[in-house]
C-alpha atoms as a PDB file:
ATOM      1  CA  MET A   1     -10.303  -6.085  48.931  1.00  0.00           C
ATOM      2  CA  ARG A   2      -8.789  -6.690  44.981  1.00  0.00           C
ATOM      3  CA  SER A   3     -11.765  -8.569  43.272  1.00  0.00           C
ATOM      4  CA  PRO A   4     -10.711 -11.418  40.880  1.00  0.00           C
ATOM      5  CA  PHE A   5     -11.334 -10.286  38.378  1.00  0.00           C
ATOM      6  CA  SER A   6      -9.580  -6.741  38.146  1.00  0.00           C
ATOM      7  CA  SER A   7      -6.584  -6.247  37.057  1.00  0.00           C
ATOM      8  CA  ASN A   8      -5.701  -9.977  36.147  1.00  0.00           C
ATOM      9  CA  LYS A   9      -7.673 -10.289  33.048  1.00  0.00           C
ATOM     10  CA  ARG A  10      -5.390 -10.451  29.838  1.00  0.00           C
ATOM     11  CA  THR A  11      -6.245 -10.293  26.251  1.00  0.00           C
ATOM     12  CA  ALA A  12      -6.312 -13.235  23.916  1.00  0.00           C
ATOM     13  CA  PRO A  13      -3.705 -12.794  21.559  1.00  0.00           C
ATOM     14  CA  SER A  14      -5.146 -12.892  17.711  1.00  0.00           C
ATOM     15  CA  VAL A  15      -4.563 -15.993  15.992  1.00  0.00           C
ATOM     16  CA  PHE A  16      -5.220 -13.696  12.982  1.00  0.00           C
ATOM     17  CA  PRO A  17      -2.525 -11.757  11.350  1.00  0.00           C
ATOM     18  CA  GLU A  18      -2.746  -7.733  11.939  1.00  0.00           C
ATOM     19  CA  ASN A  19      -2.918  -7.830   8.019  1.00  0.00           C
ATOM     20  CA  ALA A  20      -5.610 -10.464   7.887  1.00  0.00           C
ATOM     21  CA  ALA A  21      -8.500  -9.410   5.670  1.00  0.00           C
ATOM     22  CA  THR A  22     -11.655 -10.752   5.654  1.00  0.00           C
ATOM     23  CA  PRO A  23     -12.749 -11.671   2.472  1.00  0.00           C
ATOM     24  CA  THR A  24     -16.133 -10.843   0.160  1.00  0.00           C
ATOM     25  CA  SER A  25     -15.493 -13.557  -1.994  1.00  0.00           C
ATOM     26  CA  LYS A  26     -13.651 -17.006  -2.707  1.00  0.00           C
ATOM     27  CA  ALA A  27     -12.137 -15.644  -5.888  1.00  0.00           C
ATOM     28  CA  ALA A  28     -10.315 -13.221  -3.377  1.00  0.00           C
ATOM     29  CA  MET A  29      -9.451 -15.680  -0.984  1.00  0.00           C
ATOM     30  CA  GLY A  30      -7.355 -18.573  -3.439  1.00  0.00           C
ATOM     31  CA  GLU A  31      -6.093 -14.889  -3.852  1.00  0.00           C
ATOM     32  CA  MET A  32      -4.092 -15.554  -0.439  1.00  0.00           C
ATOM     33  CA  ALA A  33      -1.584 -16.765   0.034  1.00  0.00           C
ATOM     34  CA  CYS A  34      -0.096 -18.057   3.560  1.00  0.00           C
ATOM     35  CA  CYS A  35       3.258 -18.623   5.669  1.00  0.00           C
ATOM     36  CA  ALA A  36       3.722 -22.209   6.478  1.00  0.00           C
ATOM     37  CA  PRO A  37       6.160 -20.914   9.393  1.00  0.00           C
ATOM     38  CA  CYS A  38       4.623 -18.412  11.178  1.00  0.00           C
ATOM     39  CA  GLY A  39       1.439 -18.024   9.139  1.00  0.00           C
ATOM     40  CA  TYR A  40       1.088 -14.336   7.949  1.00  0.00           C
ATOM     41  CA  LEU A  41      -1.216 -13.889   5.549  1.00  0.00           C
ATOM     42  CA  TYR A  42      -0.053 -12.523   2.251  1.00  0.00           C
ATOM     43  CA  ASP A  43      -3.318 -10.428   0.692  1.00  0.00           C
ATOM     44  CA  PRO A  44      -2.747  -9.019  -2.814  1.00  0.00           C
ATOM     45  CA  SER A  45      -4.873  -6.482  -1.855  1.00  0.00           C
ATOM     46  CA  PHE A  46      -2.619  -5.013   0.623  1.00  0.00           C
ATOM     47  CA  GLY A  47       0.425  -6.266  -0.963  1.00  0.00           C
ATOM     48  CA  ASP A  48       3.780  -5.137   1.092  1.00  0.00           C
ATOM     49  CA  PRO A  49       4.530  -1.972   0.388  1.00  0.00           C
ATOM     50  CA  ASP A  50       7.294  -2.033   2.361  1.00  0.00           C
ATOM     51  CA  GLY A  51       8.731  -5.208   0.578  1.00  0.00           C
ATOM     52  CA  GLY A  52       8.544  -3.324  -2.465  1.00  0.00           C
ATOM     53  CA  ILE A  53       4.550  -5.091  -3.761  1.00  0.00           C
ATOM     54  CA  ALA A  54       2.265  -2.504  -5.071  1.00  0.00           C
ATOM     55  CA  PRO A  55      -1.335  -3.022  -3.203  1.00  0.00           C
ATOM     56  CA  GLY A  56      -2.962  -5.253  -6.136  1.00  0.00           C
ATOM     57  CA  THR A  57       0.153  -7.135  -7.098  1.00  0.00           C
ATOM     58  CA  PRO A  58      -1.270 -11.418  -6.828  1.00  0.00           C
ATOM     59  CA  PHE A  59       0.712 -13.757  -5.265  1.00  0.00           C
ATOM     60  CA  GLU A  60       2.293 -15.338  -8.388  1.00  0.00           C
ATOM     61  CA  ASP A  61       3.933 -11.941  -9.708  1.00  0.00           C
ATOM     62  CA  VAL A  62       5.668 -11.013  -6.653  1.00  0.00           C
ATOM     63  CA  PRO A  63       9.107 -11.609  -7.238  1.00  0.00           C
ATOM     64  CA  LYS A  64      10.515 -15.061  -6.253  1.00  0.00           C
ATOM     65  CA  ASP A  65      13.361 -13.422  -3.915  1.00  0.00           C
ATOM     66  CA  TRP A  66      11.143 -11.964  -1.887  1.00  0.00           C
ATOM     67  CA  ALA A  67      10.340 -12.740   2.345  1.00  0.00           C
ATOM     68  CA  CYS A  68       8.143 -12.664   4.756  1.00  0.00           C
ATOM     69  CA  PRO A  69       7.852  -9.779   6.740  1.00  0.00           C
ATOM     70  CA  LYS A  70       7.033 -11.616   9.309  1.00  0.00           C
ATOM     71  CA  CYS A  71       9.182 -14.044   9.868  1.00  0.00           C
ATOM     72  CA  GLY A  72      11.658 -14.138   6.678  1.00  0.00           C
ATOM     73  CA  ALA A  73      10.531 -16.548   5.061  1.00  0.00           C
ATOM     74  CA  ARG A  74      10.773 -17.289   1.364  1.00  0.00           C
ATOM     75  CA  LYS A  75       8.313 -17.415  -1.485  1.00  0.00           C
ATOM     76  CA  GLN A  76       8.519 -20.958  -2.022  1.00  0.00           C
ATOM     77  CA  ASP A  77       7.917 -21.661   1.872  1.00  0.00           C
ATOM     78  CA  PHE A  78       4.647 -20.408   1.091  1.00  0.00           C
ATOM     79  CA  PHE A  79       0.725 -21.793   0.233  1.00  0.00           C
ATOM     80  CA  THR A  80      -1.832 -20.449  -1.606  1.00  0.00           C
ATOM     81  CA  LEU A  81      -5.328 -20.553   0.196  1.00  0.00           C
ATOM     82  CA  THR A  82      -8.235 -21.815  -1.674  1.00  0.00           C
ATOM     83  CA  PRO A  83     -11.770 -21.973  -0.625  1.00  0.00           C
ATOM     84  CA  ASP A  84     -11.595 -25.715   0.279  1.00  0.00           C
ATOM     85  CA  ARG A  85      -8.802 -25.272   2.232  1.00  0.00           C
END
């Protein structure tokens, strides 16, 4: 007889995107931007190398035609995360 606690166990999906880093300071948190449609976090320390954005690039310096690597949303669909958010 199979235990009710065996192979039916599922892992809950992460609420944070794969690239989500834990900010080390309030200043670092203020530099991050979140995609409103999908929740992708743009972290300047990672940038978006696949999208042509070098690590260390602040979100305000990301080109206007850049799109979210997860869902394709426009840059204008992102909001900046601030320490009070």
